[in-house]
PDB file of all heavy atoms in Angstrom:
ATOM      1  N   GLU A   1     -60.219  27.770 -26.364  1.00  0.00           N
ATOM      2  CA  GLU A   1     -61.081  28.872 -26.781  1.00  0.00           C
ATOM      3  C   GLU A   1     -60.274  30.161 -26.745  1.00  0.00           C
ATOM      4  O   GLU A   1     -59.806  30.603 -25.701  1.00  0.00           O
ATOM      5  CB  GLU A   1     -62.291  28.990 -25.862  1.00  0.00           C
ATOM      6  CG  GLU A   1     -63.293  30.031 -26.326  1.00  0.00           C
ATOM      7  CD  GLU A   1     -64.572  29.994 -25.523  1.00  0.00           C
ATOM      8  OE1 GLU A   1     -64.695  29.109 -24.652  1.00  0.00           O
ATOM      9  OE2 GLU A   1     -65.433  30.858 -25.754  1.00  0.00           O
ATOM     10  N   TYR A   2     -60.093  30.772 -27.907  1.00  0.00           N
ATOM     11  CA  TYR A   2     -59.275  31.969 -28.026  1.00  0.00           C
ATOM     12  C   TYR A   2     -60.092  33.222 -27.777  1.00  0.00           C
ATOM     13  O   TYR A   2     -61.243  33.314 -28.173  1.00  0.00           O
ATOM     14  CB  TYR A   2     -58.679  32.077 -29.443  1.00  0.00           C
ATOM     15  CG  TYR A   2     -57.698  30.991 -29.780  1.00  0.00           C
ATOM     16  CD1 TYR A   2     -58.105  29.863 -30.492  1.00  0.00           C
ATOM     17  CD2 TYR A   2     -56.368  31.084 -29.408  1.00  0.00           C
ATOM     18  CE1 TYR A   2     -57.211  28.857 -30.820  1.00  0.00           C
ATOM     19  CE2 TYR A   2     -55.465  30.087 -29.737  1.00  0.00           C
ATOM     20  CZ  TYR A   2     -55.895  28.982 -30.443  1.00  0.00           C
ATOM     21  OH  TYR A   2     -55.007  27.998 -30.763  1.00  0.00           O
ATOM     22  N   SER A   3     -59.446  34.196 -27.156  1.00  0.00           N
ATOM     23  CA  SER A   3     -60.035  35.538 -27.120  1.00  0.00           C
ATOM     24  C   SER A   3     -59.648  36.228 -28.412  1.00  0.00           C
ATOM     25  O   SER A   3     -58.780  35.762 -29.151  1.00  0.00           O
ATOM     26  CB  SER A   3     -59.481  36.334 -25.931  1.00  0.00           C
ATOM     27  OG  SER A   3     -58.096  36.611 -26.135  1.00  0.00           O
ATOM     28  N   LYS A   4     -60.298  37.357 -28.719  1.00  0.00           N
ATOM     29  CA  LYS A   4     -59.975  38.087 -29.943  1.00  0.00           C
ATOM     30  C   LYS A   4     -58.513  38.504 -29.952  1.00  0.00           C
ATOM     31  O   LYS A   4     -57.843  38.440 -30.977  1.00  0.00           O
ATOM     32  CB  LYS A   4     -60.861  39.328 -30.066  1.00  0.00           C
ATOM     33  CG  LYS A   4     -62.303  39.015 -30.415  1.00  0.00           C
ATOM     34  CD  LYS A   4     -62.397  38.346 -31.774  1.00  0.00           C
ATOM     35  CE  LYS A   4     -63.829  38.062 -32.151  1.00  0.00           C
ATOM     36  NZ  LYS A   4     -63.941  37.354 -33.432  1.00  0.00           N
ATOM     37  N   ARG A   5     -57.997  38.943 -28.794  1.00  0.00           N
ATOM     38  CA  ARG A   5     -56.595  39.373 -28.743  1.00  0.00           C
ATOM     39  C   ARG A   5     -55.668  38.207 -29.020  1.00  0.00           C
ATOM     40  O   ARG A   5     -54.681  38.342 -29.740  1.00  0.00           O
ATOM     41  CB  ARG A   5     -56.289  39.986 -27.368  1.00  0.00           C
ATOM     42  CG  ARG A   5     -54.834  40.465 -27.233  1.00  0.00           C
ATOM     43  CD  ARG A   5     -54.612  41.145 -25.904  1.00  0.00           C
ATOM     44  NE  ARG A   5     -55.365  42.380 -25.847  1.00  0.00           N
ATOM     45  CZ  ARG A   5     -54.936  43.533 -26.353  1.00  0.00           C
ATOM     46  NH1 ARG A   5     -53.771  43.596 -26.959  1.00  0.00           N
ATOM     47  NH2 ARG A   5     -55.668  44.618 -26.256  1.00  0.00           N
ATOM     48  N   GLU A   6     -55.986  37.042 -28.430  1.00  0.00           N
ATOM     49  CA  GLU A   6     -55.146  35.862 -28.658  1.00  0.00           C
ATOM     50  C   GLU A   6     -55.167  35.459 -30.121  1.00  0.00           C
ATOM     51  O   GLU A   6     -54.153  35.051 -30.681  1.00  0.00           O
ATOM     52  CB  GLU A   6     -55.639  34.699 -27.798  1.00  0.00           C
ATOM     53  CG  GLU A   6     -55.315  34.855 -26.323  1.00  0.00           C
ATOM     54  CD  GLU A   6     -55.942  33.758 -25.486  1.00  0.00           C
ATOM     55  OE1 GLU A   6     -57.061  33.321 -25.830  1.00  0.00           O
ATOM     56  OE2 GLU A   6     -55.308  33.349 -24.509  1.00  0.00           O
ATOM     57  N   GLU A   7     -56.340  35.581 -30.770  1.00  0.00           N
ATOM     58  CA  GLU A   7     -56.444  35.239 -32.182  1.00  0.00           C
ATOM     59  C   GLU A   7     -55.544  36.133 -33.013  1.00  0.00           C
ATOM     60  O   GLU A   7     -54.861  35.691 -33.931  1.00  0.00           O
ATOM     61  CB  GLU A   7     -57.890  35.386 -32.649  1.00  0.00           C
ATOM     62  CG  GLU A   7     -58.796  34.283 -32.143  1.00  0.00           C
ATOM     63  CD  GLU A   7     -60.227  34.481 -32.592  1.00  0.00           C
ATOM     64  OE1 GLU A   7     -60.476  35.473 -33.310  1.00  0.00           O
ATOM     65  OE2 GLU A   7     -61.076  33.669 -32.230  1.00  0.00           O
ATOM     66  N   ILE A   8     -55.555  37.429 -32.690  1.00  0.00           N
ATOM     67  CA  ILE A   8     -54.735  38.380 -33.437  1.00  0.00           C
ATOM     68  C   ILE A   8     -53.258  38.074 -33.252  1.00  0.00           C
ATOM     69  O   ILE A   8     -52.476  38.037 -34.201  1.00  0.00           O
ATOM     70  CB  ILE A   8     -55.035  39.823 -32.981  1.00  0.00           C
ATOM     71  CG1 ILE A   8     -56.459  40.200 -33.407  1.00  0.00           C
ATOM     72  CG2 ILE A   8     -54.027  40.801 -33.580  1.00  0.00           C
ATOM     73  CD1 ILE A   8     -56.944  41.509 -32.838  1.00  0.00           C
ATOM     74  N   GLU A   9     -52.866  37.824 -31.986  1.00  0.00           N
ATOM     75  CA  GLU A   9     -51.454  37.552 -31.710  1.00  0.00           C
ATOM     76  C   GLU A   9     -51.022  36.261 -32.374  1.00  0.00           C
ATOM     77  O   GLU A   9     -49.929  36.163 -32.920  1.00  0.00           O
ATOM     78  CB  GLU A   9     -51.218  37.470 -30.191  1.00  0.00           C
ATOM     79  CG  GLU A   9     -51.363  38.804 -29.479  1.00  0.00           C
ATOM     80  CD  GLU A   9     -50.438  39.857 -30.054  1.00  0.00           C
ATOM     81  OE1 GLU A   9     -49.259  39.545 -30.315  1.00  0.00           O
ATOM     82  OE2 GLU A   9     -50.899  40.994 -30.258  1.00  0.00           O
ATOM     83  N   GLU A  10     -51.884  35.235 -32.329  1.00  0.00           N
ATOM     84  CA  GLU A  10     -51.516  33.956 -32.938  1.00  0.00           C
ATOM     85  C   GLU A  10     -51.417  34.086 -34.441  1.00  0.00           C
ATOM     86  O   GLU A  10     -50.565  33.476 -35.077  1.00  0.00           O
ATOM     87  CB  GLU A  10     -52.528  32.874 -32.564  1.00  0.00           C
ATOM     88  CG  GLU A  10     -52.153  31.524 -33.128  1.00  0.00           C
ATOM     89  CD  GLU A  10     -52.552  30.385 -32.227  1.00  0.00           C
ATOM     90  OE1 GLU A  10     -52.330  30.477 -31.018  1.00  0.00           O
ATOM     91  OE2 GLU A  10     -53.085  29.410 -32.745  1.00  0.00           O
ATOM     92  N   THR A  11     -52.288  34.902 -35.038  1.00  0.00           N
ATOM     93  CA  THR A  11     -52.233  35.120 -36.474  1.00  0.00           C
ATOM     94  C   THR A  11     -50.895  35.730 -36.867  1.00  0.00           C
ATOM     95  O   THR A  11     -50.298  35.382 -37.876  1.00  0.00           O
ATOM     96  CB  THR A  11     -53.372  36.047 -36.921  1.00  0.00           C
ATOM     97  OG1 THR A  11     -54.612  35.412 -36.630  1.00  0.00           O
ATOM     98  CG2 THR A  11     -53.293  36.312 -38.424  1.00  0.00           C
ATOM     99  N   LYS A  12     -50.398  36.660 -36.047  1.00  0.00           N
ATOM    100  CA  LYS A  12     -49.125  37.306 -36.334  1.00  0.00           C
ATOM    101  C   LYS A  12     -47.979  36.311 -36.303  1.00  0.00           C
ATOM    102  O   LYS A  12     -46.976  36.479 -36.986  1.00  0.00           O
ATOM    103  CB  LYS A  12     -48.854  38.420 -35.307  1.00  0.00           C
ATOM    104  CG  LYS A  12     -49.771  39.624 -35.453  1.00  0.00           C
ATOM    105  CD  LYS A  12     -49.453  40.659 -34.395  1.00  0.00           C
ATOM    106  CE  LYS A  12     -50.362  41.875 -34.514  1.00  0.00           C
ATOM    107  NZ  LYS A  12     -50.099  42.870 -33.451  1.00  0.00           N
ATOM    108  N   GLU A  13     -48.123  35.273 -35.451  1.00  0.00           N
ATOM    109  CA  GLU A  13     -47.029  34.325 -35.253  1.00  0.00           C
ATOM    110  C   GLU A  13     -47.250  33.026 -36.010  1.00  0.00           C
ATOM    111  O   GLU A  13     -46.592  32.020 -35.766  1.00  0.00           O
ATOM    112  CB  GLU A  13     -46.895  34.013 -33.755  1.00  0.00           C
ATOM    113  CG  GLU A  13     -46.533  35.245 -32.930  1.00  0.00           C
ATOM    114  CD  GLU A  13     -46.582  34.950 -31.443  1.00  0.00           C
ATOM    115  OE1 GLU A  13     -46.864  33.793 -31.080  1.00  0.00           O
ATOM    116  OE2 GLU A  13     -46.325  35.872 -30.665  1.00  0.00           O
ATOM    117  N   GLU A  14     -48.197  33.032 -36.949  1.00  0.00           N
ATOM    118  CA  GLU A  14     -48.517  31.802 -37.681  1.00  0.00           C
ATOM    119  C   GLU A  14     -47.296  31.263 -38.412  1.00  0.00           C
ATOM    120  O   GLU A  14     -46.570  31.996 -39.051  1.00  0.00           O
ATOM    121  CB  GLU A  14     -49.621  32.055 -38.715  1.00  0.00           C
ATOM    122  CG  GLU A  14     -51.005  32.002 -38.112  1.00  0.00           C
ATOM    123  CD  GLU A  14     -52.063  32.223 -39.172  1.00  0.00           C
ATOM    124  OE1 GLU A  14     -51.704  32.714 -40.264  1.00  0.00           O
ATOM    125  OE2 GLU A  14     -53.231  31.917 -38.903  1.00  0.00           O
ATOM    126  N   THR A  15     -47.107  29.964 -38.320  1.00  0.00           N
ATOM    127  CA  THR A  15     -46.106  29.293 -39.141  1.00  0.00           C
ATOM    128  C   THR A  15     -46.845  28.643 -40.287  1.00  0.00           C
ATOM    129  O   THR A  15     -48.068  28.689 -40.370  1.00  0.00           O
ATOM    130  CB  THR A  15     -45.382  28.204 -38.327  1.00  0.00           C
ATOM    131  OG1 THR A  15     -46.343  27.214 -37.965  1.00  0.00           O
ATOM    132  CG2 THR A  15     -44.739  28.770 -37.085  1.00  0.00           C
ATOM    133  N   LYS A  16     -46.100  28.001 -41.149  1.00  0.00           N
ATOM    134  CA  LYS A  16     -46.730  27.356 -42.294  1.00  0.00           C
ATOM    135  C   LYS A  16     -47.757  26.317 -41.847  1.00  0.00           C
ATOM    136  O   LYS A  16     -48.819  26.175 -42.432  1.00  0.00           O
ATOM    137  CB  LYS A  16     -45.643  26.682 -43.130  1.00  0.00           C
ATOM    138  CG  LYS A  16     -46.128  26.041 -44.396  1.00  0.00           C
ATOM    139  CD  LYS A  16     -44.941  25.490 -45.140  1.00  0.00           C
ATOM    140  CE  LYS A  16     -45.368  24.784 -46.391  1.00  0.00           C
ATOM    141  NZ  LYS A  16     -44.239  24.211 -47.107  1.00  0.00           N
ATOM    142  N   GLU A  17     -47.426  25.568 -40.751  1.00  0.00           N
ATOM    143  CA  GLU A  17     -48.325  24.517 -40.292  1.00  0.00           C
ATOM    144  C   GLU A  17     -49.517  25.068 -39.522  1.00  0.00           C
ATOM    145  O   GLU A  17     -50.471  24.362 -39.260  1.00  0.00           O
ATOM    146  CB  GLU A  17     -47.569  23.532 -39.396  1.00  0.00           C
ATOM    147  CG  GLU A  17     -46.574  22.657 -40.132  1.00  0.00           C
ATOM    148  CD  GLU A  17     -45.335  23.420 -40.586  1.00  0.00           C
ATOM    149  OE1 GLU A  17     -44.978  24.406 -39.917  1.00  0.00           O
ATOM    150  OE2 GLU A  17     -44.752  23.048 -41.608  1.00  0.00           O
ATOM    151  N   GLU A  18     -49.481  26.344 -39.132  1.00  0.00           N
ATOM    152  CA  GLU A  18     -50.538  26.917 -38.305  1.00  0.00           C
ATOM    153  C   GLU A  18     -51.507  27.763 -39.106  1.00  0.00           C
ATOM    154  O   GLU A  18     -52.326  28.475 -38.554  1.00  0.00           O
ATOM    155  CB  GLU A  18     -49.924  27.772 -37.187  1.00  0.00           C
ATOM    156  CG  GLU A  18     -49.157  26.936 -36.173  1.00  0.00           C
ATOM    157  CD  GLU A  18     -48.350  27.782 -35.223  1.00  0.00           C
ATOM    158  OE1 GLU A  18     -47.934  28.891 -35.628  1.00  0.00           O
ATOM    159  OE2 GLU A  18     -48.144  27.353 -34.091  1.00  0.00           O
ATOM    160  N   ARG A  19     -51.432  27.712 -40.433  1.00  0.00           N
ATOM    161  CA  ARG A  19     -52.382  28.431 -41.261  1.00  0.00           C
ATOM    162  C   ARG A  19     -53.755  27.804 -41.117  1.00  0.00           C
ATOM    163  O   ARG A  19     -53.874  26.680 -40.642  1.00  0.00           O
ATOM    164  CB  ARG A  19     -51.945  28.377 -42.726  1.00  0.00           C
ATOM    165  CG  ARG A  19     -50.704  29.189 -43.008  1.00  0.00           C
ATOM    166  CD  ARG A  19     -50.313  29.010 -44.454  1.00  0.00           C
ATOM    167  NE  ARG A  19     -49.129  29.785 -44.744  1.00  0.00           N
ATOM    168  CZ  ARG A  19     -48.127  29.360 -45.483  1.00  0.00           C
ATOM    169  NH1 ARG A  19     -48.171  28.161 -46.001  1.00  0.00           N
ATOM    170  NH2 ARG A  19     -47.087  30.123 -45.703  1.00  0.00           N
ATOM    171  N   PRO A  20     -54.803  28.494 -41.597  1.00  0.00           N
ATOM    172  CA  PRO A  20     -56.127  27.877 -41.597  1.00  0.00           C
ATOM    173  C   PRO A  20     -56.066  26.502 -42.230  1.00  0.00           C
ATOM    174  O   PRO A  20     -55.357  26.287 -43.208  1.00  0.00           O
ATOM    175  CB  PRO A  20     -56.961  28.856 -42.431  1.00  0.00           C
ATOM    176  CG  PRO A  20     -56.300  30.176 -42.188  1.00  0.00           C
ATOM    177  CD  PRO A  20     -54.832  29.871 -42.102  1.00  0.00           C
ATOM    178  N   ILE A  21     -56.837  25.592 -41.699  1.00  0.00           N
ATOM    179  CA  ILE A  21     -56.672  24.178 -42.029  1.00  0.00           C
ATOM    180  C   ILE A  21     -56.706  23.864 -43.514  1.00  0.00           C
ATOM    181  O   ILE A  21     -55.831  23.162 -44.027  1.00  0.00           O
ATOM    182  CB  ILE A  21     -57.731  23.346 -41.275  1.00  0.00           C
ATOM    183  CG1 ILE A  21     -57.530  21.873 -41.579  1.00  0.00           C
ATOM    184  CG2 ILE A  21     -59.139  23.805 -41.582  1.00  0.00           C
ATOM    185  CD1 ILE A  21     -58.339  20.984 -40.672  1.00  0.00           C
ATOM    186  N   ALA A  22     -57.672  24.367 -44.242  1.00  0.00           N
ATOM    187  CA  ALA A  22     -57.768  24.036 -45.668  1.00  0.00           C
ATOM    188  C   ALA A  22     -56.554  24.551 -46.421  1.00  0.00           C
ATOM    189  O   ALA A  22     -56.007  23.862 -47.277  1.00  0.00           O
ATOM    190  CB  ALA A  22     -59.039  24.621 -46.261  1.00  0.00           C
ATOM    191  N   LEU A  23     -56.116  25.768 -46.092  1.00  0.00           N
ATOM    192  CA  LEU A  23     -54.952  26.349 -46.756  1.00  0.00           C
ATOM    193  C   LEU A  23     -53.696  25.567 -46.417  1.00  0.00           C
ATOM    194  O   LEU A  23     -52.855  25.314 -47.279  1.00  0.00           O
ATOM    195  CB  LEU A  23     -54.792  27.813 -46.349  1.00  0.00           C
ATOM    196  CG  LEU A  23     -53.579  28.538 -46.941  1.00  0.00           C
ATOM    197  CD1 LEU A  23     -53.684  28.606 -48.454  1.00  0.00           C
ATOM    198  CD2 LEU A  23     -53.439  29.930 -46.355  1.00  0.00           C
ATOM    199  N   SER A  24     -53.550  25.173 -45.152  1.00  0.00           N
ATOM    200  CA  SER A  24     -52.372  24.425 -44.726  1.00  0.00           C
ATOM    201  C   SER A  24     -52.217  23.124 -45.509  1.00  0.00           C
ATOM    202  O   SER A  24     -51.145  22.799 -46.012  1.00  0.00           O
ATOM    203  CB  SER A  24     -52.469  24.124 -43.222  1.00  0.00           C
ATOM    204  OG  SER A  24     -51.395  23.324 -42.808  1.00  0.00           O
ATOM    205  N   ILE A  25     -53.317  22.387 -45.633  1.00  0.00           N
ATOM    206  CA  ILE A  25     -53.267  21.112 -46.351  1.00  0.00           C
ATOM    207  C   ILE A  25     -53.069  21.349 -47.842  1.00  0.00           C
ATOM    208  O   ILE A  25     -52.335  20.627 -48.518  1.00  0.00           O
ATOM    209  CB  ILE A  25     -54.547  20.308 -46.079  1.00  0.00           C
ATOM    210  CG1 ILE A  25     -54.603  19.951 -44.589  1.00  0.00           C
ATOM    211  CG2 ILE A  25     -54.602  19.041 -46.920  1.00  0.00           C
ATOM    212  CD1 ILE A  25     -55.880  19.262 -44.162  1.00  0.00           C
ATOM    213  N   TYR A  26     -53.701  22.383 -48.361  1.00  0.00           N
ATOM    214  CA  TYR A  26     -53.556  22.733 -49.779  1.00  0.00           C
ATOM    215  C   TYR A  26     -52.086  23.021 -50.102  1.00  0.00           C
ATOM    216  O   TYR A  26     -51.547  22.536 -51.092  1.00  0.00           O
ATOM    217  CB  TYR A  26     -54.418  23.961 -50.065  1.00  0.00           C
ATOM    218  CG  TYR A  26     -54.402  24.439 -51.497  1.00  0.00           C
ATOM    219  CD1 TYR A  26     -55.055  23.745 -52.503  1.00  0.00           C
ATOM    220  CD2 TYR A  26     -53.752  25.631 -51.839  1.00  0.00           C
ATOM    221  CE1 TYR A  26     -55.062  24.204 -53.816  1.00  0.00           C
ATOM    222  CE2 TYR A  26     -53.748  26.091 -53.138  1.00  0.00           C
ATOM    223  CZ  TYR A  26     -54.404  25.375 -54.124  1.00  0.00           C
ATOM    224  OH  TYR A  26     -54.396  25.834 -55.416  1.00  0.00           O
TER     225      TYR A  26
END
C-alpha cells in the first residue's frame, strides 16, 4: 500500500516494466 509521496517518487523512477499495467503490456 503506497502513500501519496511513495507513489510520486515511484512514478519518477518508473522503468519500462513499471508503467501502468495496460500501457506496459501494450
